[in-house]
Protein backbone atom coordinates (compact mmCIF):
# COMPACT_ATOMS: atom_id res chain seq x y z
CA MET A 1 0.15 -0.29 0.13
CA GLU A 2 1.71 3.51 -0.97
CA PRO A 3 1.87 6.16 1.78
CA PRO A 4 -1.39 8.08 1.02
CA MET A 5 -1.28 11.99 -0.50
CA PHE A 6 -3.92 14.36 0.16
CA GLY A 7 -5.37 17.64 -1.66
CA LEU A 8 -5.39 20.98 -0.36
CA GLY A 9 -6.48 22.55 -3.59
CA PRO A 10 -5.27 22.96 -7.12
CA SER A 11 -1.59 21.42 -7.99
CA THR A 12 -1.01 21.51 -3.92
CA SER A 13 -1.17 18.51 -1.96
CA TYR A 14 1.05 16.65 1.05
CA VAL A 15 2.14 12.97 1.50
CA ASP A 16 2.02 11.33 5.41
CA LEU A 17 5.36 9.92 5.46
CA GLN A 18 4.52 7.60 7.86
CA PHE A 19 7.50 7.76 10.14
CA ARG A 20 8.20 4.79 12.60
CA SER A 21 5.37 2.98 10.06
CA ARG A 22 3.00 5.53 12.19
CA PRO A 23 0.60 7.47 10.13
CA GLY A 24 -0.12 11.11 10.60
CA VAL A 25 3.32 12.35 12.01
CA ILE A 26 5.33 13.86 9.26
CA ALA A 27 3.32 15.33 6.33
CA THR A 28 5.73 16.78 3.32
CA GLY A 29 3.85 19.39 1.05
CA VAL A 30 4.26 19.08 -2.51
CA LEU A 31 3.41 22.14 -4.97
CA ALA A 32 2.75 20.77 -8.43
CA GLU A 33 3.63 23.12 -11.01
CA ALA A 34 4.11 22.32 -15.09
CA SER A 35 7.46 23.68 -14.39
CA GLY A 36 8.44 21.24 -11.81
CA VAL A 37 7.95 20.06 -8.17
CA THR A 38 8.45 21.80 -4.92
CA LEU A 39 8.62 19.74 -2.05
CA VAL A 40 7.92 21.67 1.59
CA ASP A 41 9.97 20.16 4.43
CA PRO A 42 10.90 16.25 2.40
CA GLY A 43 11.35 14.84 5.87
CA PRO A 44 14.38 12.39 6.84
CA THR A 45 16.02 9.70 4.82
CA SER A 46 14.58 7.09 6.66
CA CYS A 47 11.36 8.22 5.12
CA LEU A 48 12.54 8.35 1.62
CA GLU A 49 10.57 5.16 -0.08
CA ALA A 50 7.64 6.52 2.02
CA LEU A 51 7.88 9.59 -0.08
CA ARG A 52 8.75 8.53 -3.42
CA GLY A 53 5.85 6.01 -2.96
CA GLY A 54 3.46 9.16 -2.07
CA LEU A 55 4.48 10.45 -5.22
CA ALA A 56 4.34 7.87 -7.40
CA ALA A 57 0.57 7.02 -6.14
CA GLU A 58 0.17 10.55 -7.94
CA GLY A 59 2.37 10.36 -10.62
CA ILE A 60 4.77 12.52 -9.31
CA ALA A 61 8.86 11.05 -9.63
CA MET A 62 11.30 11.86 -7.63
CA ALA A 63 13.05 13.43 -11.38
CA ASP A 64 9.97 16.08 -11.20
CA VAL A 65 11.13 17.63 -8.08
CA THR A 66 12.80 20.74 -8.85
CA SER A 67 12.83 22.81 -5.89
CA VAL A 68 12.60 22.59 -1.86
CA LEU A 69 11.73 24.91 0.70
CA LEU A 70 12.89 24.15 4.20
CA THR A 71 11.04 25.88 7.04
CA HIS A 72 14.52 24.84 9.22
CA ILE A 73 17.12 22.44 9.20
CA HIS A 74 16.21 19.54 11.69
CA LEU A 75 15.99 16.13 10.98
CA ASP A 76 12.61 15.59 10.92
CA HIS A 77 11.69 18.03 8.28
CA ALA A 78 15.77 18.41 6.13
CA GLY A 79 17.01 15.27 6.65
CA VAL A 80 16.58 13.73 3.16
CA THR A 81 17.88 16.90 1.56
CA GLY A 82 21.36 16.27 0.48
CA THR A 83 20.10 12.94 -0.89
CA LEU A 84 17.38 14.45 -3.00
CA VAL A 85 19.71 16.58 -4.54
CA GLN A 86 22.59 14.11 -4.91
CA GLN A 87 20.17 11.93 -6.97
CA GLN A 88 18.54 15.60 -8.93
CA PRO A 89 21.59 17.69 -9.00
CA ALA A 90 19.39 20.77 -10.36
CA ILE A 91 17.26 20.90 -7.42
CA GLU A 92 17.26 24.12 -5.90
CA VAL A 93 16.95 24.42 -1.82
CA TYR A 94 15.70 27.16 -0.13
CA VAL A 95 16.41 28.06 3.62
CA HIS A 96 17.42 30.39 6.40
CA GLU A 97 20.60 31.75 6.04
CA ARG A 98 21.76 30.89 9.57
CA GLY A 99 20.88 27.02 8.53
CA ALA A 100 22.19 27.16 4.94
CA LYS A 101 25.78 26.70 6.10
CA HIS A 102 24.22 23.38 8.27
CA LEU A 103 23.12 22.03 5.06
CA VAL A 104 26.15 22.70 3.21
CA ASP A 105 28.72 21.14 5.90
CA PRO A 106 25.91 19.10 8.41
CA ALA A 107 29.17 17.67 10.42
CA LYS A 108 28.12 20.19 13.54
CA LEU A 109 24.30 19.26 13.26
CA ILE A 110 24.57 15.72 13.00
CA GLU A 111 27.18 16.07 16.29
CA SER A 112 24.41 17.95 18.20
CA ALA A 113 21.49 15.89 16.86
CA SER A 114 23.91 12.33 18.16
CA ARG A 115 23.46 14.00 21.60
CA LEU A 116 20.38 13.57 21.89
CA TYR A 117 19.16 10.86 20.09
CA GLY A 118 22.20 8.41 20.43
CA THR A 119 22.06 5.11 18.81
CA GLN A 120 19.01 5.86 17.58
CA MET A 121 20.25 8.26 14.75
CA GLY A 122 20.06 5.94 11.92
CA PRO A 123 17.03 4.28 12.50
CA LEU A 124 15.13 7.32 12.85
CA TRP A 125 16.61 9.47 10.80
CA GLY A 126 18.96 7.98 7.96
CA ALA A 127 21.79 9.34 6.87
CA MET A 128 22.22 13.68 6.17
CA LEU A 129 24.46 13.98 3.10
CA PRO A 130 25.56 17.47 2.47
CA VAL A 131 24.22 20.01 -0.12
CA PRO A 132 26.47 21.39 -2.80
CA PRO A 133 26.69 25.58 -1.84
CA ASP A 134 25.52 26.35 -5.28
CA ARG A 135 22.45 24.75 -4.79
CA VAL A 136 21.64 26.56 -1.80
CA ARG A 137 19.62 29.12 -1.80
CA PRO A 138 19.67 31.57 1.57
CA LEU A 139 16.88 33.45 2.45
CA ARG A 140 16.40 36.28 5.63
CA GLY A 141 12.77 36.60 5.32
CA GLY A 142 10.82 39.02 3.45
CA GLU A 143 11.42 37.39 -0.14
CA ARG A 144 8.70 36.57 -2.56
CA LEU A 145 9.46 33.59 -4.28
CA ARG A 146 8.65 32.39 -7.63
CA VAL A 147 7.36 28.35 -7.85
CA GLY A 148 6.30 28.15 -11.54
CA ALA A 149 2.87 30.41 -11.68
CA ARG A 150 2.56 31.11 -7.99
CA GLU A 151 4.42 33.58 -5.58
CA ILE A 152 5.16 32.56 -2.21
CA GLU A 153 6.12 34.76 0.62
CA VAL A 154 8.91 33.99 3.37
CA ALA A 155 8.66 35.38 6.69
CA TYR A 156 11.64 34.96 9.19
CA THR A 157 9.88 32.61 12.49
CA PRO A 158 12.32 31.66 14.84
CA GLY A 159 11.36 30.75 18.47
CA HIS A 160 11.38 27.21 18.10
CA ALA A 161 14.34 27.45 15.91
CA SER A 162 16.76 30.47 15.41
CA HIS A 163 17.03 29.69 11.83
CA HIS A 164 12.93 28.92 11.41
CA VAL A 165 10.68 30.68 8.31
CA SER A 166 7.69 30.34 6.80
CA TYR A 167 6.20 30.57 3.85
CA LEU A 168 2.37 31.69 2.46
CA ASP A 169 0.88 30.68 -0.87
CA ARG A 170 -1.55 34.70 -0.47
CA ARG A 171 -3.84 32.95 -3.25
CA MET A 172 -4.75 30.02 -1.29
CA GLY A 173 -4.72 31.60 1.70
CA LEU A 174 -2.23 28.65 2.67
CA ALA A 175 0.95 29.03 5.26
CA TRP A 176 3.73 26.43 5.65
CA VAL A 177 4.50 27.13 9.34
CA GLY A 178 6.67 23.83 10.29
CA ASP A 179 7.13 23.93 13.79
CA THR A 180 6.55 27.71 14.67
CA GLY A 181 2.78 26.37 14.55
CA GLY A 182 2.68 23.57 16.80
CA VAL A 183 2.16 19.99 16.49
CA ARG A 184 -1.47 18.53 16.73
CA VAL A 185 -1.54 14.70 15.71
CA GLY A 186 -4.07 12.07 16.47
CA GLN A 187 -7.94 12.59 16.93
CA SER A 188 -7.33 15.22 20.26
CA GLY A 189 -7.27 18.38 18.19
CA PHE A 190 -4.41 19.56 20.95
CA ILE A 191 -1.41 21.99 20.33
CA LEU A 192 1.37 20.82 21.57
CA PRO A 193 4.83 23.21 21.49
CA PRO A 194 7.59 21.06 20.47
CA THR A 195 10.50 22.91 22.49
CA PRO A 196 13.91 20.65 21.91
CA PRO A 197 17.22 22.17 22.44
CA PRO A 198 19.43 24.29 21.51
CA ASP A 199 17.65 27.87 20.77
CA ILE A 200 14.38 27.80 22.23
CA ASP A 201 13.20 31.17 22.62
CA LEU A 202 9.68 31.90 24.20
CA GLU A 203 10.13 35.67 23.00
CA ALA A 204 10.81 35.42 19.49
CA TRP A 205 8.47 32.75 19.30
CA ASP A 206 5.58 34.89 20.45
CA ALA A 207 6.70 37.34 17.94
CA SER A 208 6.60 34.91 14.82
CA LEU A 209 2.98 33.93 15.88
CA ALA A 210 2.20 37.54 15.57
CA THR A 211 4.23 38.04 12.38
CA ILE A 212 1.90 34.73 10.94
CA ARG A 213 -1.58 35.90 12.82
CA ALA A 214 -0.55 39.63 10.64
CA TRP A 215 -0.19 37.39 7.11
CA ASP A 216 -4.21 36.41 7.88
CA PRO A 217 -3.72 33.00 5.99
CA GLY A 218 -6.94 30.61 5.83
CA ARG A 219 -5.12 27.77 7.10
CA LEU A 220 -2.18 26.79 8.44
CA PHE A 221 0.47 23.45 7.10
CA LEU A 222 2.10 21.91 9.96
CA THR A 223 4.67 19.05 9.01
CA HIS A 224 3.14 17.18 12.37
CA PHE A 225 0.80 17.00 11.04
CA GLY A 226 -1.33 18.98 7.97
CA PRO A 227 -3.83 21.34 7.43
CA VAL A 228 -5.35 23.21 10.41
CA GLU A 229 -7.89 25.81 10.97
CA PRO A 230 -9.17 28.51 12.15
CA VAL A 231 -6.14 29.59 12.30
CA ARG A 232 -6.69 32.38 15.08
CA ASP A 233 -7.77 29.90 17.31
CA VAL A 234 -5.20 27.38 16.68
CA LEU A 235 -2.40 30.24 17.48
CA ASP A 236 -4.30 31.59 20.36
CA GLU A 237 -3.92 27.79 21.60
CA LEU A 238 -0.62 27.38 21.06
CA ALA A 239 0.73 30.41 22.84
CA VAL A 240 -1.08 28.80 25.74
CA ARG A 241 0.36 25.53 25.79
CA LEU A 242 3.62 27.15 25.45
CA ARG A 243 3.51 29.18 28.66
CA ASP A 244 1.89 26.12 30.19
CA SER A 245 5.04 23.66 29.58
CA ALA A 246 7.50 26.91 30.13
CA GLU A 247 5.81 27.31 33.60
CA MET A 248 6.09 23.52 34.24
CA VAL A 249 9.67 23.06 33.19
CA ARG A 250 10.36 26.37 35.49
CA ARG A 251 8.60 24.81 38.42
CA SER A 252 10.80 21.82 37.86
CA LEU A 253 14.24 23.13 38.19
CA GLY A 254 13.44 23.06 41.99
CA ALA A 255 12.50 19.76 42.25
CA GLY A 256 15.75 17.99 42.45
CA PRO A 257 19.36 18.78 42.63
CA GLY A 258 19.99 17.24 38.73
CA ASP A 259 18.40 16.39 35.73
CA VAL A 260 16.55 12.98 35.77
CA GLU A 261 15.12 14.09 39.12
CA GLN A 262 14.04 17.10 37.64
CA TYR A 263 12.55 16.05 34.30
CA ALA A 264 10.43 13.53 36.20
CA ALA A 265 8.78 16.32 38.13
CA PHE A 266 7.88 17.49 34.84
CA ARG A 267 7.00 14.40 33.54
CA GLU A 268 4.52 13.60 36.06
CA GLU A 269 2.78 17.25 36.34
CA PHE A 270 2.80 17.20 32.37
CA LEU A 271 1.39 13.87 31.69
CA GLY A 272 -1.49 14.75 34.29
CA TYR A 273 -1.95 17.97 31.75
CA LEU A 274 -2.13 16.08 28.51
CA GLY A 275 -4.68 13.08 29.86
CA ARG A 276 -7.00 16.29 30.12
CA PHE A 277 -7.10 16.52 26.77
CA MET A 278 -6.20 13.38 24.82
CA SER A 279 -6.25 9.44 25.14
CA GLU A 280 -2.98 7.06 25.62
CA ARG A 281 -2.81 6.18 22.12
CA ASP A 282 -2.64 10.00 20.94
CA LEU A 283 -0.29 10.66 23.55
CA ALA A 284 2.47 7.92 22.23
CA THR A 285 1.83 9.73 18.56
CA TYR A 286 2.59 12.92 20.04
CA GLU A 287 6.12 11.38 21.47
CA ASP A 288 7.31 10.30 18.37
CA ALA A 289 6.47 13.76 16.84
CA ALA A 290 7.57 15.60 19.75
CA SER A 291 9.17 13.76 22.39
CA LEU A 292 8.51 15.07 26.24
CA HIS A 293 12.32 14.62 27.36
CA TYR A 294 13.48 16.64 24.60
CA ASN A 295 10.57 19.16 24.88
CA TRP A 296 11.75 19.60 28.77
CA GLN A 297 15.52 19.81 27.67
CA GLY A 298 15.00 22.94 25.77
CA LEU A 299 12.92 24.94 27.94
CA ALA A 300 15.29 24.14 30.65
CA ARG A 301 17.88 25.65 28.83
CA TYR A 302 16.11 28.58 28.38
CA TRP A 303 15.61 29.04 31.79
CA ARG A 304 19.10 28.46 32.75
CA LYS A 305 20.39 30.77 30.26
CA ARG A 306 17.83 33.10 31.95
CA SER A 307 18.46 32.74 35.15
CA ALA A 308 22.75 32.72 34.11
CA ASN A 309 21.99 36.40 31.91
């Protein structure tokens, strides 16, 4: 059975990458034009065959891909990019300028991720190959990209990552917001802020949500997972969940002398919080999309940096 592709409107769809054989965790946006196909957040290399199969089911070959739009370079969003360019050397890759150097030389990114994932790096993400520098198109935010017949607006939207950007097709009223728009998976409809290390910034995230609100799109597209609306309700809920998560982590830092005790305190409180909104089955899906341990680590780092300044 091929991974499913879902329609969003004229020539716009997305593929479920079936991450860890679980549906509804990672989605890749697909913009099909007569001049070529653009992928938004093509995902990790471990999901390459699912991506290939999902496209093929709609009559799209990997050779049709001409460009990649990355919201940011975390492995679940961008890990396969170098492999795609190796196979199709004419692909152009759009990414924020702060992330561009790590696509060209991913050694530091891989080292940082390895500290988090350890021996699970390979099974979870697969290889991350470098992207040749002449294939990278650095962004700052504020650009208007021409993708076939459509214009795509770019905004700088940090908070989850210092190199995060979002993309808007104003004609369709659809904004691809990566992880800045949060994680919504399973059946509960709960919006979870993904807060892994190293550069969570709550103030920047609030400003990014204001940027997306000002765009006033009709729908958001979340890499985890798919289209969501109404936009203002989603963004308002995310802001509340972000504040709640941050406060629970802040309280946990006083729960004991080390990370083990502090994380245990956070997890107990946060699981009780999540239990008000979702089933245990949904919780397992959220753990695949945004690990609670990594979320705690990112916010703990944020608070510790603030207390050190």
